[in-house]
PDB file of N, CA and C in Angstrom:
ATOM      1  N   UNK A   1      72.475-126.643  15.055  1.00  0.00           N
ATOM      2  CA  UNK A   1      73.276-126.334  14.392  1.00  0.00           C
ATOM      3  C   UNK A   1      74.633-126.212  15.728  1.00  0.00           C
ATOM      4  N   UNK A   2      75.810-126.633  14.795  1.00  0.00           N
ATOM      5  CA  UNK A   2      76.902-126.394  15.592  1.00  0.00           C
ATOM      6  C   UNK A   2      77.390-124.696  15.005  1.00  0.00           C
ATOM      7  N   UNK A   3      77.678-124.042  16.202  1.00  0.00           N
ATOM      8  CA  UNK A   3      78.500-122.622  16.304  1.00  0.00           C
ATOM      9  C   UNK A   3      79.186-122.497  15.067  1.00  0.00           C
ATOM     10  N   UNK A   4      80.475-122.991  15.096  1.00  0.00           N
ATOM     11  CA  UNK A   4      81.054-122.852  13.875  1.00  0.00           C
ATOM     12  C   UNK A   4      80.821-123.351  12.409  1.00  0.00           C
ATOM     13  N   UNK A   5      79.927-124.236  12.532  1.00  0.00           N
ATOM     14  CA  UNK A   5      79.205-124.416  11.023  1.00  0.00           C
ATOM     15  C   UNK A   5      78.251-123.466  10.480  1.00  0.00           C
ATOM     16  N   UNK A   6      77.432-122.395  11.560  1.00  0.00           N
ATOM     17  CA  UNK A   6      76.639-121.535  11.322  1.00  0.00           C
ATOM     18  C   UNK A   6      77.766-120.680  11.134  1.00  0.00           C
ATOM     19  N   UNK A   7      78.428-120.078  11.264  1.00  0.00           N
ATOM     20  CA  UNK A   7      78.835-118.918  11.157  1.00  0.00           C
ATOM     21  C   UNK A   7      79.822-118.868   9.657  1.00  0.00           C
ATOM     22  N   UNK A   8      80.145-120.203   9.333  1.00  0.00           N
ATOM     23  CA  UNK A   8      80.526-120.932   7.807  1.00  0.00           C
ATOM     24  C   UNK A   8      79.539-119.971   7.091  1.00  0.00           C
ATOM     25  N   UNK A   9      78.264-121.037   7.373  1.00  0.00           N
ATOM     26  CA  UNK A   9      77.230-120.846   6.496  1.00  0.00           C
ATOM     27  C   UNK A   9      76.763-119.463   6.221  1.00  0.00           C
ATOM     28  N   UNK A  10      76.766-118.338   7.743  1.00  0.00           N
ATOM     29  CA  UNK A  10      76.691-116.871   7.756  1.00  0.00           C
ATOM     30  C   UNK A  10      77.587-116.761   6.517  1.00  0.00           C
ATOM     31  N   UNK A  11      78.698-116.398   6.601  1.00  0.00           N
ATOM     32  CA  UNK A  11      79.869-115.858   5.965  1.00  0.00           C
ATOM     33  C   UNK A  11      79.647-116.206   4.182  1.00  0.00           C
ATOM     34  N   UNK A  12      79.687-117.959   4.121  1.00  0.00           N
ATOM     35  CA  UNK A  12      79.101-117.563   2.440  1.00  0.00           C
ATOM     36  C   UNK A  12      78.142-117.582   2.016  1.00  0.00           C
ATOM     37  N   UNK A  13      76.475-117.186   2.828  1.00  0.00           N
ATOM     38  CA  UNK A  13      75.713-115.997   2.501  1.00  0.00           C
ATOM     39  C   UNK A  13      76.223-114.762   1.994  1.00  0.00           C
ATOM     40  N   UNK A  14      76.946-114.233   3.175  1.00  0.00           N
ATOM     41  CA  UNK A  14      77.246-112.767   3.205  1.00  0.00           C
ATOM     42  C   UNK A  14      78.467-112.791   1.414  1.00  0.00           C
ATOM     43  N   UNK A  15      79.020-113.567   1.446  1.00  0.00           N
ATOM     44  CA  UNK A  15      79.723-113.724  -0.095  1.00  0.00           C
ATOM     45  C   UNK A  15      79.190-113.848  -1.256  1.00  0.00           C
ATOM     46  N   UNK A  16      77.899-114.778  -0.899  1.00  0.00           N
ATOM     47  CA  UNK A  16      77.211-114.861  -2.332  1.00  0.00           C
ATOM     48  C   UNK A  16      76.626-113.241  -2.736  1.00  0.00           C
ATOM     49  N   UNK A  17      76.252-112.779  -1.198  1.00  0.00           N
ATOM     50  CA  UNK A  17      75.581-111.091  -1.556  1.00  0.00           C
ATOM     51  C   UNK A  17      76.232-110.365  -2.044  1.00  0.00           C
ATOM     52  N   UNK A  18      77.642-110.599  -1.771  1.00  0.00           N
ATOM     53  CA  UNK A  18      78.923-109.262  -2.219  1.00  0.00           C
ATOM     54  C   UNK A  18      79.007-109.874  -3.602  1.00  0.00           C
ATOM     55  N   UNK A  19      78.859-110.877  -4.096  1.00  0.00           N
ATOM     56  CA  UNK A  19      79.063-111.474  -5.120  1.00  0.00           C
ATOM     57  C   UNK A  19      78.523-110.295  -6.640  1.00  0.00           C
ATOM     58  N   UNK A  20      79.003-110.217  -7.876  1.00  0.00           N
ATOM     59  CA  UNK A  20      78.712-109.538  -9.000  1.00  0.00           C
ATOM     60  C   UNK A  20      77.464-109.951  -9.435  1.00  0.00           C
ATOM     61  N   UNK A  21      77.191-111.249  -9.649  1.00  0.00           N
ATOM     62  CA  UNK A  21      75.940-111.904  -9.803  1.00  0.00           C
ATOM     63  C   UNK A  21      75.158-111.195  -9.101  1.00  0.00           C
ATOM     64  N   UNK A  22      74.750-111.655  -7.453  1.00  0.00           N
ATOM     65  CA  UNK A  22      73.894-111.085  -6.876  1.00  0.00           C
ATOM     66  C   UNK A  22      73.473-109.518  -6.902  1.00  0.00           C
ATOM     67  N   UNK A  23      74.537-108.908  -6.613  1.00  0.00           N
ATOM     68  CA  UNK A  23      74.426-107.328  -7.088  1.00  0.00           C
ATOM     69  C   UNK A  23      73.945-107.228  -8.386  1.00  0.00           C
ATOM     70  N   UNK A  24      74.271-107.956  -9.803  1.00  0.00           N
ATOM     71  CA  UNK A  24      73.407-107.425 -10.833  1.00  0.00           C
ATOM     72  C   UNK A  24      72.121-108.189 -10.684  1.00  0.00           C
ATOM     73  N   UNK A  25      71.596-108.843 -10.186  1.00  0.00           N
ATOM     74  CA  UNK A  25      70.676-110.077 -10.094  1.00  0.00           C
ATOM     75  C   UNK A  25      69.433-108.570  -8.971  1.00  0.00           C
ATOM     76  N   UNK A  26      69.836-108.104  -7.544  1.00  0.00           N
ATOM     77  CA  UNK A  26      69.374-106.891  -6.970  1.00  0.00           C
ATOM     78  C   UNK A  26      68.869-105.652  -7.788  1.00  0.00           C
ATOM     79  N   UNK A  27      69.732-105.346  -8.558  1.00  0.00           N
ATOM     80  CA  UNK A  27      69.666-104.118  -9.473  1.00  0.00           C
ATOM     81  C   UNK A  27      68.498-104.389  -9.923  1.00  0.00           C
ATOM     82  N   UNK A  28      68.553-105.654 -11.161  1.00  0.00           N
ATOM     83  CA  UNK A  28      67.912-105.932 -11.788  1.00  0.00           C
ATOM     84  C   UNK A  28      66.148-105.961 -11.515  1.00  0.00           C
ATOM     85  N   UNK A  29      66.372-106.529 -10.063  1.00  0.00           N
ATOM     86  CA  UNK A  29      65.034-106.861  -9.289  1.00  0.00           C
ATOM     87  C   UNK A  29      64.436-105.635  -9.176  1.00  0.00           C
ATOM     88  N   UNK A  30      64.986-104.645  -8.640  1.00  0.00           N
ATOM     89  CA  UNK A  30      65.094-103.092  -8.054  1.00  0.00           C
ATOM     90  C   UNK A  30      63.935-102.213  -9.613  1.00  0.00           C
ATOM     91  N   UNK A  31      64.750-102.596 -10.994  1.00  0.00           N
ATOM     92  CA  UNK A  31      63.795-102.198 -12.044  1.00  0.00           C
ATOM     93  C   UNK A  31      62.589-102.926 -12.360  1.00  0.00           C
ATOM     94  N   UNK A  32      62.925-104.173 -12.204  1.00  0.00           N
ATOM     95  CA  UNK A  32      61.682-104.552 -12.800  1.00  0.00           C
ATOM     96  C   UNK A  32      60.334-104.741 -11.776  1.00  0.00           C
ATOM     97  N   UNK A  33      60.319-104.214 -10.072  1.00  0.00           N
ATOM     98  CA  UNK A  33      60.021-104.073  -9.197  1.00  0.00           C
ATOM     99  C   UNK A  33      59.449-102.541  -9.246  1.00  0.00           C
ATOM    100  N   UNK A  34      59.913-101.758 -10.359  1.00  0.00           N
ATOM    101  CA  UNK A  34      59.105-100.680 -10.343  1.00  0.00           C
ATOM    102  C   UNK A  34      58.344-100.117 -11.322  1.00  0.00           C
ATOM    103  N   UNK A  35      58.348-101.331 -11.888  1.00  0.00           N
ATOM    104  CA  UNK A  35      57.436-101.569 -12.901  1.00  0.00           C
ATOM    105  C   UNK A  35      56.136-102.590 -12.284  1.00  0.00           C
ATOM    106  N   UNK A  36      55.402-102.770 -11.774  1.00  0.00           N
ATOM    107  CA  UNK A  36      54.235-103.674 -11.518  1.00  0.00           C
ATOM    108  C   UNK A  36      53.354-104.582 -12.118  1.00  0.00           C
ATOM    109  N   UNK A  37      53.075-104.081 -13.363  1.00  0.00           N
ATOM    110  CA  UNK A  37      52.666-104.666 -14.752  1.00  0.00           C
ATOM    111  C   UNK A  37      54.054-105.843 -15.306  1.00  0.00           C
ATOM    112  N   UNK A  38      55.504-104.906 -15.205  1.00  0.00           N
ATOM    113  CA  UNK A  38      56.160-106.074 -15.125  1.00  0.00           C
ATOM    114  C   UNK A  38      56.508-107.126 -14.943  1.00  0.00           C
ATOM    115  N   UNK A  39      56.272-106.408 -13.423  1.00  0.00           N
ATOM    116  CA  UNK A  39      56.930-107.800 -12.859  1.00  0.00           C
ATOM    117  C   UNK A  39      55.509-108.773 -12.603  1.00  0.00           C
ATOM    118  N   UNK A  40      54.541-108.536 -12.669  1.00  0.00           N
ATOM    119  CA  UNK A  40      53.616-109.326 -12.579  1.00  0.00           C
ATOM    120  C   UNK A  40      53.686-110.270 -13.962  1.00  0.00           C
ATOM    121  N   UNK A  41      53.738-109.476 -14.636  1.00  0.00           N
ATOM    122  CA  UNK A  41      53.826-110.357 -16.471  1.00  0.00           C
ATOM    123  C   UNK A  41      55.273-111.302 -16.374  1.00  0.00           C
ATOM    124  N   UNK A  42      56.333-110.507 -15.630  1.00  0.00           N
ATOM    125  CA  UNK A  42      58.026-111.647 -15.377  1.00  0.00           C
ATOM    126  C   UNK A  42      57.685-113.059 -14.300  1.00  0.00           C
ATOM    127  N   UNK A  43      56.284-112.921 -13.387  1.00  0.00           N
ATOM    128  CA  UNK A  43      56.825-113.168 -12.728  1.00  0.00           C
ATOM    129  C   UNK A  43      55.130-114.320 -13.039  1.00  0.00           C
ATOM    130  N   UNK A  44      54.649-114.767 -13.739  1.00  0.00           N
ATOM    131  CA  UNK A  44      53.556-115.207 -14.780  1.00  0.00           C
ATOM    132  C   UNK A  44      54.380-116.213 -15.806  1.00  0.00           C
ATOM    133  N   UNK A  45      55.299-115.296 -15.991  1.00  0.00           N
ATOM    134  CA  UNK A  45      55.889-116.550 -17.218  1.00  0.00           C
ATOM    135  C   UNK A  45      57.095-117.313 -16.155  1.00  0.00           C
ATOM    136  N   UNK A  46      57.493-116.914 -15.112  1.00  0.00           N
ATOM    137  CA  UNK A  46      58.278-117.400 -14.388  1.00  0.00           C
ATOM    138  C   UNK A  46      57.613-118.746 -13.611  1.00  0.00           C
ATOM    139  N   UNK A  47      56.421-118.690 -12.933  1.00  0.00           N
ATOM    140  CA  UNK A  47      55.569-119.179 -12.688  1.00  0.00           C
ATOM    141  C   UNK A  47      54.701-120.667 -14.040  1.00  0.00           C
ATOM    142  N   UNK A  48      54.767-120.180 -15.421  1.00  0.00           N
ATOM    143  CA  UNK A  48      54.367-120.927 -15.712  1.00  0.00           C
ATOM    144  C   UNK A  48      55.546-121.602 -16.574  1.00  0.00           C
ATOM    145  N   UNK A  49      56.688-121.440 -16.560  1.00  0.00           N
ATOM    146  CA  UNK A  49      58.029-122.408 -16.716  1.00  0.00           C
ATOM    147  C   UNK A  49      58.647-122.926 -15.713  1.00  0.00           C
ATOM    148  N   UNK A  50      58.173-122.954 -14.441  1.00  0.00           N
ATOM    149  CA  UNK A  50      58.404-123.508 -13.008  1.00  0.00           C
ATOM    150  C   UNK A  50      56.999-125.297 -13.388  1.00  0.00           C
ATOM    151  N   UNK A  51      55.720-124.508 -14.049  1.00  0.00           N
ATOM    152  CA  UNK A  51      54.133-125.648 -13.666  1.00  0.00           C
ATOM    153  C   UNK A  51      54.972-126.309 -14.936  1.00  0.00           C
ATOM    154  N   UNK A  52      55.240-126.045 -16.186  1.00  0.00           N
ATOM    155  CA  UNK A  52      55.524-126.741 -17.357  1.00  0.00           C
ATOM    156  C   UNK A  52      57.048-128.096 -16.912  1.00  0.00           C
ATOM    157  N   UNK A  53      57.903-127.558 -16.144  1.00  0.00           N
ATOM    158  CA  UNK A  53      58.924-128.513 -16.099  1.00  0.00           C
ATOM    159  C   UNK A  53      58.427-129.356 -15.330  1.00  0.00           C
ATOM    160  N   UNK A  54      57.062-129.455 -14.246  1.00  0.00           N
ATOM    161  CA  UNK A  54      56.644-130.726 -13.148  1.00  0.00           C
ATOM    162  C   UNK A  54      55.611-131.586 -14.317  1.00  0.00           C
ATOM    163  N   UNK A  55      55.057-131.045 -15.029  1.00  0.00           N
ATOM    164  CA  UNK A  55      54.312-131.475 -15.685  1.00  0.00           C
ATOM    165  C   UNK A  55      54.769-132.931 -16.419  1.00  0.00           C
ATOM    166  N   UNK A  56      54.331-133.973 -16.208  1.00  0.00           N
ATOM    167  CA  UNK A  56      55.139-134.666 -17.409  1.00  0.00           C
ATOM    168  C   UNK A  56      53.555-135.773 -18.597  1.00  0.00           C
ATOM    169  N   UNK A  57      52.620-134.596 -18.320  1.00  0.00           N
ATOM    170  CA  UNK A  57      51.517-135.318 -19.596  1.00  0.00           C
ATOM    171  C   UNK A  57      51.324-134.703 -20.749  1.00  0.00           C
ATOM    172  N   UNK A  58      52.555-133.741 -21.022  1.00  0.00           N
ATOM    173  CA  UNK A  58      52.641-133.014 -22.154  1.00  0.00           C
ATOM    174  C   UNK A  58      54.106-133.076 -22.680  1.00  0.00           C
ATOM    175  N   UNK A  59      53.639-132.510 -24.224  1.00  0.00           N
ATOM    176  CA  UNK A  59      55.266-132.897 -25.030  1.00  0.00           C
ATOM    177  C   UNK A  59      55.828-131.556 -24.828  1.00  0.00           C
ATOM    178  N   UNK A  60      57.027-131.459 -23.851  1.00  0.00           N
ATOM    179  CA  UNK A  60      57.472-130.541 -23.224  1.00  0.00           C
ATOM    180  C   UNK A  60      58.426-129.611 -24.678  1.00  0.00           C
ATOM    181  N   UNK A  61      58.651-130.179 -25.629  1.00  0.00           N
ATOM    182  CA  UNK A  61      58.817-129.211 -26.301  1.00  0.00           C
ATOM    183  C   UNK A  61      58.123-128.257 -26.845  1.00  0.00           C
ATOM    184  N   UNK A  62      57.030-128.660 -27.232  1.00  0.00           N
ATOM    185  CA  UNK A  62      55.888-128.047 -27.539  1.00  0.00           C
ATOM    186  C   UNK A  62      55.303-127.064 -27.169  1.00  0.00           C
ATOM    187  N   UNK A  63      55.291-126.948 -25.766  1.00  0.00           N
ATOM    188  CA  UNK A  63      54.452-126.228 -24.660  1.00  0.00           C
ATOM    189  C   UNK A  63      55.951-125.419 -24.240  1.00  0.00           C
ATOM    190  N   UNK A  64      57.233-125.234 -24.328  1.00  0.00           N
ATOM    191  CA  UNK A  64      58.035-124.546 -24.013  1.00  0.00           C
ATOM    192  C   UNK A  64      58.412-123.269 -25.404  1.00  0.00           C
ATOM    193  N   UNK A  65      57.672-124.502 -26.384  1.00  0.00           N
ATOM    194  CA  UNK A  65      57.798-122.974 -27.921  1.00  0.00           C
ATOM    195  C   UNK A  65      56.407-122.412 -27.511  1.00  0.00           C
ATOM    196  N   UNK A  66      55.381-122.801 -27.437  1.00  0.00           N
ATOM    197  CA  UNK A  66      54.321-122.063 -27.266  1.00  0.00           C
ATOM    198  C   UNK A  66      54.275-121.063 -26.084  1.00  0.00           C
ATOM    199  N   UNK A  67      55.230-121.058 -24.701  1.00  0.00           N
ATOM    200  CA  UNK A  67      55.495-120.650 -23.957  1.00  0.00           C
ATOM    201  C   UNK A  67      56.283-119.150 -24.554  1.00  0.00           C
ATOM    202  N   UNK A  68      56.953-119.315 -25.099  1.00  0.00           N
ATOM    203  CA  UNK A  68      58.022-118.472 -25.522  1.00  0.00           C
ATOM    204  C   UNK A  68      57.297-117.819 -26.481  1.00  0.00           C
ATOM    205  N   UNK A  69      56.375-118.524 -27.628  1.00  0.00           N
ATOM    206  CA  UNK A  69      55.991-117.536 -28.472  1.00  0.00           C
ATOM    207  C   UNK A  69      54.857-116.569 -27.996  1.00  0.00           C
ATOM    208  N   UNK A  70      54.174-116.621 -26.953  1.00  0.00           N
ATOM    209  CA  UNK A  70      53.285-116.039 -25.923  1.00  0.00           C
ATOM    210  C   UNK A  70      54.235-115.065 -25.235  1.00  0.00           C
ATOM    211  N   UNK A  71      55.155-115.324 -24.663  1.00  0.00           N
ATOM    212  CA  UNK A  71      55.616-114.558 -23.877  1.00  0.00           C
ATOM    213  C   UNK A  71      57.362-113.400 -24.709  1.00  0.00           C
ATOM    214  N   UNK A  72      57.235-114.234 -26.104  1.00  0.00           N
ATOM    215  CA  UNK A  72      57.800-113.262 -26.911  1.00  0.00           C
ATOM    216  C   UNK A  72      57.919-111.847 -26.610  1.00  0.00           C
ATOM    217  N   UNK A  73      56.704-110.973 -26.514  1.00  0.00           N
ATOM    218  CA  UNK A  73      57.172-109.575 -26.076  1.00  0.00           C
ATOM    219  C   UNK A  73      57.931-109.454 -24.879  1.00  0.00           C
ATOM    220  N   UNK A  74      57.369-109.622 -23.541  1.00  0.00           N
ATOM    221  CA  UNK A  74      57.883-109.484 -22.563  1.00  0.00           C
ATOM    222  C   UNK A  74      59.213-109.616 -22.702  1.00  0.00           C
ATOM    223  N   UNK A  75      59.895-110.660 -23.162  1.00  0.00           N
ATOM    224  CA  UNK A  75      61.196-111.259 -23.909  1.00  0.00           C
ATOM    225  C   UNK A  75      62.035-110.561 -24.453  1.00  0.00           C
ATOM    226  N   UNK A  76      61.047-109.729 -25.305  1.00  0.00           N
ATOM    227  CA  UNK A  76      62.093-108.918 -26.039  1.00  0.00           C
ATOM    228  C   UNK A  76      62.971-107.057 -25.589  1.00  0.00           C
ATOM    229  N   UNK A  77      61.962-107.350 -24.311  1.00  0.00           N
ATOM    230  CA  UNK A  77      62.661-106.282 -23.246  1.00  0.00           C
ATOM    231  C   UNK A  77      63.863-106.588 -22.899  1.00  0.00           C
ATOM    232  N   UNK A  78      64.698-105.968 -23.157  1.00  0.00           N
ATOM    233  CA  UNK A  78      66.348-106.047 -22.630  1.00  0.00           C
ATOM    234  C   UNK A  78      66.146-105.910 -21.026  1.00  0.00           C
ATOM    235  N   UNK A  79      65.936-105.426 -20.054  1.00  0.00           N
ATOM    236  CA  UNK A  79      65.556-105.308 -18.912  1.00  0.00           C
ATOM    237  C   UNK A  79      65.123-106.430 -18.246  1.00  0.00           C
ATOM    238  N   UNK A  80      63.556-107.044 -19.138  1.00  0.00           N
ATOM    239  CA  UNK A  80      63.694-108.405 -18.398  1.00  0.00           C
ATOM    240  C   UNK A  80      64.381-109.651 -19.057  1.00  0.00           C
ATOM    241  N   UNK A  81      65.116-109.573 -20.048  1.00  0.00           N
ATOM    242  CA  UNK A  81      65.935-110.796 -19.882  1.00  0.00           C
ATOM    243  C   UNK A  81      67.174-110.675 -19.492  1.00  0.00           C
ATOM    244  N   UNK A  82      67.574-109.475 -19.236  1.00  0.00           N
ATOM    245  CA  UNK A  82      68.752-109.183 -18.105  1.00  0.00           C
ATOM    246  C   UNK A  82      68.172-109.236 -16.387  1.00  0.00           C
ATOM    247  N   UNK A  83      67.259-109.113 -16.307  1.00  0.00           N
ATOM    248  CA  UNK A  83      66.663-109.448 -14.788  1.00  0.00           C
ATOM    249  C   UNK A  83      66.342-110.936 -15.029  1.00  0.00           C
ATOM    250  N   UNK A  84      65.990-111.963 -16.010  1.00  0.00           N
ATOM    251  CA  UNK A  84      65.942-113.302 -16.079  1.00  0.00           C
ATOM    252  C   UNK A  84      67.235-114.188 -15.965  1.00  0.00           C
ATOM    253  N   UNK A  85      68.144-113.591 -16.819  1.00  0.00           N
ATOM    254  CA  UNK A  85      69.274-114.075 -17.179  1.00  0.00           C
ATOM    255  C   UNK A  85      70.307-114.058 -15.454  1.00  0.00           C
ATOM    256  N   UNK A  86      69.955-112.518 -15.010  1.00  0.00           N
ATOM    257  CA  UNK A  86      70.400-112.710 -13.738  1.00  0.00           C
ATOM    258  C   UNK A  86      70.263-113.194 -12.424  1.00  0.00           C
ATOM    259  N   UNK A  87      68.101-113.522 -12.603  1.00  0.00           N
ATOM    260  CA  UNK A  87      68.472-114.794 -11.816  1.00  0.00           C
ATOM    261  C   UNK A  87      69.054-115.978 -12.141  1.00  0.00           C
ATOM    262  N   UNK A  88      69.346-116.163 -13.071  1.00  0.00           N
ATOM    263  CA  UNK A  88      69.776-117.515 -13.604  1.00  0.00           C
ATOM    264  C   UNK A  88      70.944-118.001 -13.028  1.00  0.00           C
ATOM    265  N   UNK A  89      71.497-116.627 -12.978  1.00  0.00           N
ATOM    266  CA  UNK A  89      73.408-116.527 -12.415  1.00  0.00           C
ATOM    267  C   UNK A  89      73.162-117.391 -10.839  1.00  0.00           C
ATOM    268  N   UNK A  90      72.049-116.690 -10.250  1.00  0.00           N
ATOM    269  CA  UNK A  90      72.195-116.588  -9.151  1.00  0.00           C
ATOM    270  C   UNK A  90      71.693-118.074  -8.725  1.00  0.00           C
ATOM    271  N   UNK A  91      70.703-118.644  -9.186  1.00  0.00           N
ATOM    272  CA  UNK A  91      70.279-120.340  -9.470  1.00  0.00           C
ATOM    273  C   UNK A  91      71.212-121.129  -9.019  1.00  0.00           C
ATOM    274  N   UNK A  92      72.233-120.753 -10.545  1.00  0.00           N
ATOM    275  CA  UNK A  92      73.026-121.462 -10.856  1.00  0.00           C
ATOM    276  C   UNK A  92      74.702-121.785  -9.721  1.00  0.00           C
ATOM    277  N   UNK A  93      74.901-120.417  -9.001  1.00  0.00           N
ATOM    278  CA  UNK A  93      75.480-120.231  -7.811  1.00  0.00           C
ATOM    279  C   UNK A  93      75.304-121.310  -6.589  1.00  0.00           C
ATOM    280  N   UNK A  94      73.748-121.419  -6.365  1.00  0.00           N
ATOM    281  CA  UNK A  94      73.338-122.325  -5.224  1.00  0.00           C
ATOM    282  C   UNK A  94      73.188-123.444  -6.171  1.00  0.00           C
ATOM    283  N   UNK A  95      73.050-124.121  -6.776  1.00  0.00           N
ATOM    284  CA  UNK A  95      73.194-125.564  -7.808  1.00  0.00           C
ATOM    285  C   UNK A  95      74.245-126.095  -7.554  1.00  0.00           C
ATOM    286  N   UNK A  96      75.312-125.162  -7.545  1.00  0.00           N
ATOM    287  CA  UNK A  96      77.013-125.371  -7.478  1.00  0.00           C
ATOM    288  C   UNK A  96      77.341-125.900  -6.345  1.00  0.00           C
ATOM    289  N   UNK A  97      76.508-124.545  -5.095  1.00  0.00           N
ATOM    290  CA  UNK A  97      77.279-124.846  -3.609  1.00  0.00           C
ATOM    291  C   UNK A  97      76.472-126.127  -2.982  1.00  0.00           C
ATOM    292  N   UNK A  98      75.284-126.384  -3.736  1.00  0.00           N
ATOM    293  CA  UNK A  98      74.569-127.300  -3.380  1.00  0.00           C
ATOM    294  C   UNK A  98      75.144-128.809  -4.078  1.00  0.00           C
ATOM    295  N   UNK A  99      75.571-128.920  -5.201  1.00  0.00           N
ATOM    296  CA  UNK A  99      76.018-129.884  -5.892  1.00  0.00           C
ATOM    297  C   UNK A  99      77.433-130.187  -5.258  1.00  0.00           C
ATOM    298  N   UNK A 100      78.187-129.443  -5.103  1.00  0.00           N
ATOM    299  CA  UNK A 100      80.024-129.222  -4.098  1.00  0.00           C
ATOM    300  C   UNK A 100      79.576-130.188  -2.866  1.00  0.00           C
ATOM    301  N   UNK A 101      78.245-129.594  -1.948  1.00  0.00           N
ATOM    302  CA  UNK A 101      78.119-130.286  -0.407  1.00  0.00           C
ATOM    303  C   UNK A 101      77.934-131.465  -1.045  1.00  0.00           C
ATOM    304  N   UNK A 102      76.791-132.158  -1.579  1.00  0.00           N
ATOM    305  CA  UNK A 102      76.382-133.471  -1.773  1.00  0.00           C
ATOM    306  C   UNK A 102      77.318-134.294  -2.470  1.00  0.00           C
ATOM    307  N   UNK A 103      78.168-133.896  -3.467  1.00  0.00           N
ATOM    308  CA  UNK A 103      78.967-134.469  -4.401  1.00  0.00           C
ATOM    309  C   UNK A 103      80.375-134.706  -2.960  1.00  0.00           C
ATOM    310  N   UNK A 104      80.549-134.104  -2.243  1.00  0.00           N
ATOM    311  CA  UNK A 104      81.814-134.702  -1.305  1.00  0.00           C
ATOM    312  C   UNK A 104      81.336-135.174  -0.155  1.00  0.00           C
ATOM    313  N   UNK A 105      80.102-135.147   0.128  1.00  0.00           N
ATOM    314  CA  UNK A 105      79.897-135.980   1.833  1.00  0.00           C
ATOM    315  C   UNK A 105      79.268-137.673   1.575  1.00  0.00           C
ATOM    316  N   UNK A 106      79.577-138.190   1.862  1.00  0.00           N
ATOM    317  CA  UNK A 106      79.195-139.819   1.706  1.00  0.00           C
ATOM    318  C   UNK A 106      76.963-139.620   1.760  1.00  0.00           C
ATOM    319  N   UNK A 107      76.797-139.114   1.493  1.00  0.00           N
ATOM    320  CA  UNK A 107      74.963-139.555   2.105  1.00  0.00           C
ATOM    321  C   UNK A 107      74.894-139.480   0.912  1.00  0.00           C
ATOM    322  N   UNK A 108      73.334-140.442   0.917  1.00  0.00           N
ATOM    323  CA  UNK A 108      73.304-141.442   0.256  1.00  0.00           C
ATOM    324  C   UNK A 108      71.949-140.914  -0.445  1.00  0.00           C
ATOM    325  N   UNK A 109      71.889-140.537  -1.492  1.00  0.00           N
ATOM    326  CA  UNK A 109      70.747-140.006  -1.831  1.00  0.00           C
ATOM    327  C   UNK A 109      69.089-141.064  -2.595  1.00  0.00           C
ATOM    328  N   UNK A 110      69.600-142.528  -3.106  1.00  0.00           N
ATOM    329  CA  UNK A 110      69.561-143.093  -3.824  1.00  0.00           C
ATOM    330  C   UNK A 110      69.516-143.380  -5.042  1.00  0.00           C
ATOM    331  N   UNK A 111      70.248-142.091  -5.502  1.00  0.00           N
ATOM    332  CA  UNK A 111      70.219-141.688  -6.668  1.00  0.00           C
ATOM    333  C   UNK A 111      71.408-141.149  -7.145  1.00  0.00           C
ATOM    334  N   UNK A 112      71.543-140.831  -8.411  1.00  0.00           N
ATOM    335  CA  UNK A 112      73.184-140.351  -8.388  1.00  0.00           C
ATOM    336  C   UNK A 112      72.770-138.489  -9.073  1.00  0.00           C
ATOM    337  N   UNK A 113      73.466-137.469  -8.880  1.00  0.00           N
ATOM    338  CA  UNK A 113      73.342-136.400  -8.925  1.00  0.00           C
ATOM    339  C   UNK A 113      73.630-135.932 -10.040  1.00  0.00           C
ATOM    340  N   UNK A 114      74.176-136.717 -11.080  1.00  0.00           N
ATOM    341  CA  UNK A 114      74.503-136.240 -12.174  1.00  0.00           C
ATOM    342  C   UNK A 114      75.367-137.369 -13.002  1.00  0.00           C
TER     343      UNK A 114
END
């Protein structure tokens, strides 16, 4: 990769790490990480949500509703929701960066981004 481009990417990564969203994510991650059982439960919830998003052979609304009921006690804990919200904020930043790059470049994906 071009050295100047590498510097820009490194700077972007550093700026994201300095953001309030990332600092909140790391803070919440440390809290969750201190409770291995909670961390396992959160990771299982995230895994099942991810798997559901990939499936095409189920009624998405029914399965999402089932997962929400199954994990309701976990989601009722404030720091769990704070962690998941912080994680989502970081994901949205990364999505925005990717979308901005792809929408401004003449790069044929074979489909529209949005």
